[in-house]
Amino acid sequence: MSDTAGGKQAGRKSGTRRRQVAALPWRADPVAGLQVLLVSSRETRRWVIPKGWPMKGKLDHQAAAQEAYEEAGLDGRIVDTPVGDYPYLKRLKSGAARPVTVDVYPMEVTGEHATWPEKGQRTLRWMSPVEAALAVQEPELRDLIARFAQVELPAEERPAPTLAPTPVRVAFDRLRRRVTALWGRR
């Protein structure tokens, strides 16, 4: 594990698929055993791991650690090579979807900040590896978490993933929240 060495900076694009980097935050709790931290996405509120675009001047694993701080207030030791990757569709502000591949770097959490840049915008939850794997939407991320934690997910406990909300649903939900906020102010 490394905080500063190794990793890759090049290869942000692979064909037409863009690449993001993510931290897989974990800790070994004396009572609960291995735990994985998931964060909610800001728009759809689904469970994800902290992720973002590669950053100029940072190696990919360093950018993943930065995302873990910004989205969840975490410090830790991050591995400088990815444990795997997974694909997903990134919803753009325009409503279009772009295919993205996410490189995942395990991060042993050594500290949690009381405040961080996106505090209040996301929900954080420590979960067992099985709970975390079953909570995420992307099947490949589900399998990656299970492989990392060396746990088996029985076929009957692997429900089909639910589809992400459509751009129309996201826009409608935003509009509903705004109308509700304005209505409540009168």
Protein backbone atom coordinates (compact mmCIF):
# COMPACT_ATOMS: atom_id res chain seq x y z
CA MET A 1 0.00 0.00 0.00
CA SER A 2 1.15 3.51 -0.69
CA ASP A 3 0.04 7.04 -0.19
CA THR A 4 2.27 8.53 -2.86
CA ALA A 5 3.96 6.02 -5.17
CA GLY A 6 2.93 4.15 -8.30
CA GLY A 7 -0.36 4.18 -10.10
CA LYS A 8 -1.10 5.39 -13.57
CA GLN A 9 -1.90 8.75 -15.02
CA ALA A 10 -2.31 7.94 -18.69
CA GLY A 11 -5.11 5.97 -20.28
CA ARG A 12 -8.02 8.19 -19.32
CA LYS A 13 -9.87 7.05 -22.41
CA SER A 14 -10.23 3.50 -23.59
CA GLY A 15 -11.84 3.63 -27.02
CA THR A 16 -15.03 5.61 -26.55
CA ARG A 17 -15.36 4.68 -22.88
CA ARG A 18 -14.09 7.27 -20.39
CA ARG A 19 -12.34 6.21 -17.19
CA GLN A 20 -12.95 7.25 -13.59
CA VAL A 21 -11.15 6.31 -10.40
CA ALA A 22 -12.74 5.15 -7.14
CA ALA A 23 -11.74 4.26 -3.61
CA LEU A 24 -13.17 1.14 -1.96
CA PRO A 25 -13.09 2.21 1.72
CA TRP A 26 -12.77 -0.62 4.21
CA ARG A 27 -11.91 -1.19 7.85
CA ALA A 28 -11.45 -4.14 10.17
CA ASP A 29 -13.80 -3.66 13.11
CA PRO A 30 -12.93 -5.78 16.19
CA VAL A 31 -16.59 -6.70 16.71
CA ALA A 32 -18.21 -6.55 13.25
CA GLY A 33 -15.21 -7.79 11.25
CA LEU A 34 -14.49 -6.42 7.78
CA GLN A 35 -16.71 -3.48 6.83
CA VAL A 36 -17.09 -1.50 3.60
CA LEU A 37 -18.25 2.13 3.46
CA LEU A 38 -20.79 3.10 0.81
CA VAL A 39 -21.95 6.64 0.03
CA SER A 40 -25.16 7.72 -1.64
CA SER A 41 -24.95 9.43 -5.00
CA ARG A 42 -26.10 13.05 -4.96
CA GLU A 43 -28.67 12.81 -7.74
CA THR A 44 -30.24 9.35 -7.58
CA ARG A 45 -29.38 8.54 -3.92
CA ARG A 46 -28.26 5.01 -4.88
CA TRP A 47 -25.37 3.34 -3.02
CA VAL A 48 -21.95 3.81 -4.64
CA ILE A 49 -18.29 4.07 -3.68
CA PRO A 50 -16.46 7.43 -3.76
CA LYS A 51 -15.39 8.07 -7.36
CA GLY A 52 -14.52 10.80 -9.80
CA TRP A 53 -12.45 11.79 -12.81
CA PRO A 54 -8.64 11.49 -12.80
CA MET A 55 -6.99 14.69 -11.57
CA LYS A 56 -4.20 16.63 -13.21
CA GLY A 57 -1.04 16.40 -11.14
CA LYS A 58 -2.21 13.32 -9.20
CA LEU A 59 -1.72 9.65 -9.87
CA ASP A 60 -4.98 7.74 -10.23
CA HIS A 61 -4.86 6.14 -6.78
CA GLN A 62 -4.16 9.57 -5.25
CA ALA A 63 -7.19 10.99 -7.08
CA ALA A 64 -9.28 8.11 -5.71
CA ALA A 65 -8.09 8.92 -2.17
CA GLN A 66 -8.98 12.59 -2.78
CA GLU A 67 -12.50 11.56 -3.83
CA ALA A 68 -12.82 9.50 -0.63
CA TYR A 69 -11.97 12.62 1.37
CA GLU A 70 -14.27 14.95 -0.61
CA GLU A 71 -17.29 12.61 -0.67
CA ALA A 72 -16.97 10.88 2.71
CA GLY A 73 -14.33 12.68 4.81
CA LEU A 74 -11.98 9.69 4.86
CA ASP A 75 -8.23 9.37 5.33
CA GLY A 76 -6.39 6.12 4.80
CA ARG A 77 -3.82 3.96 3.12
CA ILE A 78 -4.71 3.36 -0.51
CA VAL A 79 -3.32 0.63 -2.73
CA ASP A 80 -1.50 2.01 -5.77
CA THR A 81 -2.85 -0.59 -8.23
CA PRO A 82 -6.56 -1.18 -8.86
CA VAL A 83 -8.19 -4.33 -7.53
CA GLY A 84 -10.47 -4.32 -10.56
CA ASP A 85 -12.86 -2.15 -12.54
CA TYR A 86 -16.52 -1.97 -13.41
CA PRO A 87 -18.61 -0.25 -16.09
CA TYR A 88 -21.57 2.05 -15.54
CA LEU A 89 -23.54 4.73 -17.36
CA LYS A 90 -22.69 8.24 -16.14
CA ARG A 91 -25.72 10.51 -16.34
CA LEU A 92 -24.69 13.94 -17.64
CA LYS A 93 -26.44 17.20 -16.76
CA SER A 94 -27.85 17.21 -20.30
CA GLY A 95 -29.66 13.95 -19.52
CA ALA A 96 -27.46 11.92 -21.85
CA ALA A 97 -25.67 8.84 -20.57
CA ARG A 98 -21.98 8.19 -21.18
CA PRO A 99 -20.35 4.76 -20.71
CA VAL A 100 -17.58 4.94 -18.10
CA THR A 101 -15.18 2.34 -16.69
CA VAL A 102 -14.17 2.85 -13.05
CA ASP A 103 -10.80 1.65 -11.73
CA VAL A 104 -11.21 0.67 -8.05
CA TYR A 105 -8.45 1.14 -5.46
CA PRO A 106 -8.93 -0.42 -2.00
CA MET A 107 -8.38 2.07 0.82
CA GLU A 108 -7.91 1.05 4.43
CA VAL A 109 -9.60 3.83 6.39
CA THR A 110 -7.43 5.20 9.18
CA GLY A 111 -9.42 8.33 10.02
CA GLU A 112 -12.75 10.06 9.51
CA HIS A 113 -13.10 13.85 9.47
CA ALA A 114 -15.92 15.67 11.28
CA THR A 115 -16.40 17.94 8.26
CA TRP A 116 -15.57 17.53 4.57
CA PRO A 117 -16.48 19.21 1.26
CA GLU A 118 -19.62 17.17 0.44
CA LYS A 119 -20.91 16.65 3.99
CA GLY A 120 -24.70 16.93 4.01
CA GLN A 121 -24.95 16.07 0.31
CA ARG A 122 -24.53 12.32 0.77
CA THR A 123 -25.42 9.60 3.23
CA LEU A 124 -22.59 7.36 4.51
CA ARG A 125 -23.01 3.84 5.84
CA TRP A 126 -20.57 1.19 7.02
CA MET A 127 -21.83 -2.26 5.96
CA SER A 128 -20.71 -5.85 6.00
CA PRO A 129 -19.23 -6.88 2.64
CA VAL A 130 -22.35 -8.91 1.79
CA GLU A 131 -24.65 -5.97 2.65
CA ALA A 132 -22.48 -3.60 0.61
CA ALA A 133 -22.30 -5.95 -2.38
CA LEU A 134 -26.08 -6.39 -2.38
CA ALA A 135 -26.72 -2.65 -1.91
CA VAL A 136 -24.90 -1.44 -5.04
CA GLN A 137 -26.69 -1.32 -8.36
CA GLU A 138 -23.90 -2.32 -10.74
CA PRO A 139 -23.49 -6.13 -10.92
CA GLU A 140 -19.77 -5.85 -11.70
CA LEU A 141 -19.20 -3.63 -8.63
CA ARG A 142 -21.23 -6.11 -6.57
CA ASP A 143 -18.92 -8.92 -7.70
CA LEU A 144 -15.80 -6.80 -7.18
CA ILE A 145 -16.75 -6.08 -3.55
CA ALA A 146 -17.47 -9.77 -2.93
CA ARG A 147 -14.13 -10.81 -4.49
CA PHE A 148 -12.22 -8.18 -2.51
CA ALA A 149 -13.80 -9.30 0.78
CA GLN A 150 -13.55 -12.98 -0.22
CA VAL A 151 -17.23 -13.64 0.42
CA GLU A 152 -19.67 -15.75 -1.57
CA LEU A 153 -22.99 -14.28 -2.62
CA PRO A 154 -25.58 -17.05 -3.00
CA ALA A 155 -27.48 -16.87 -6.28
CA GLU A 156 -30.81 -16.39 -4.49
CA GLU A 157 -29.38 -13.35 -2.68
CA ARG A 158 -28.27 -11.68 -5.88
CA PRO A 159 -31.35 -9.86 -7.10
CA ALA A 160 -31.37 -8.41 -10.56
CA PRO A 161 -30.10 -4.83 -10.42
CA THR A 162 -32.69 -2.11 -10.52
CA LEU A 163 -32.30 0.32 -13.35
CA ALA A 164 -31.10 3.84 -12.61
CA PRO A 165 -33.77 6.51 -12.93
CA THR A 166 -34.25 7.92 -16.40
CA PRO A 167 -33.21 11.51 -17.08
CA VAL A 168 -36.92 12.44 -17.17
CA ARG A 169 -37.44 10.89 -13.70
CA VAL A 170 -34.39 12.75 -12.30
CA ALA A 171 -35.63 16.06 -13.78
CA PHE A 172 -39.15 15.45 -12.43
CA ASP A 173 -37.80 14.67 -8.95
CA ARG A 174 -35.72 17.88 -8.99
CA LEU A 175 -38.75 19.90 -10.05
CA ARG A 176 -40.91 18.27 -7.36
CA ARG A 177 -38.31 19.12 -4.66
CA ARG A 178 -38.12 22.74 -5.85
CA VAL A 179 -41.91 23.16 -5.94
CA THR A 180 -42.19 21.56 -2.49
CA ALA A 181 -39.48 23.88 -1.12
CA LEU A 182 -41.14 26.96 -2.62
CA TRP A 183 -44.61 25.89 -1.49
CA GLY A 184 -43.35 25.27 2.04
CA ARG A 185 -41.88 28.79 2.25
CA ARG A 186 -45.23 30.59 1.79
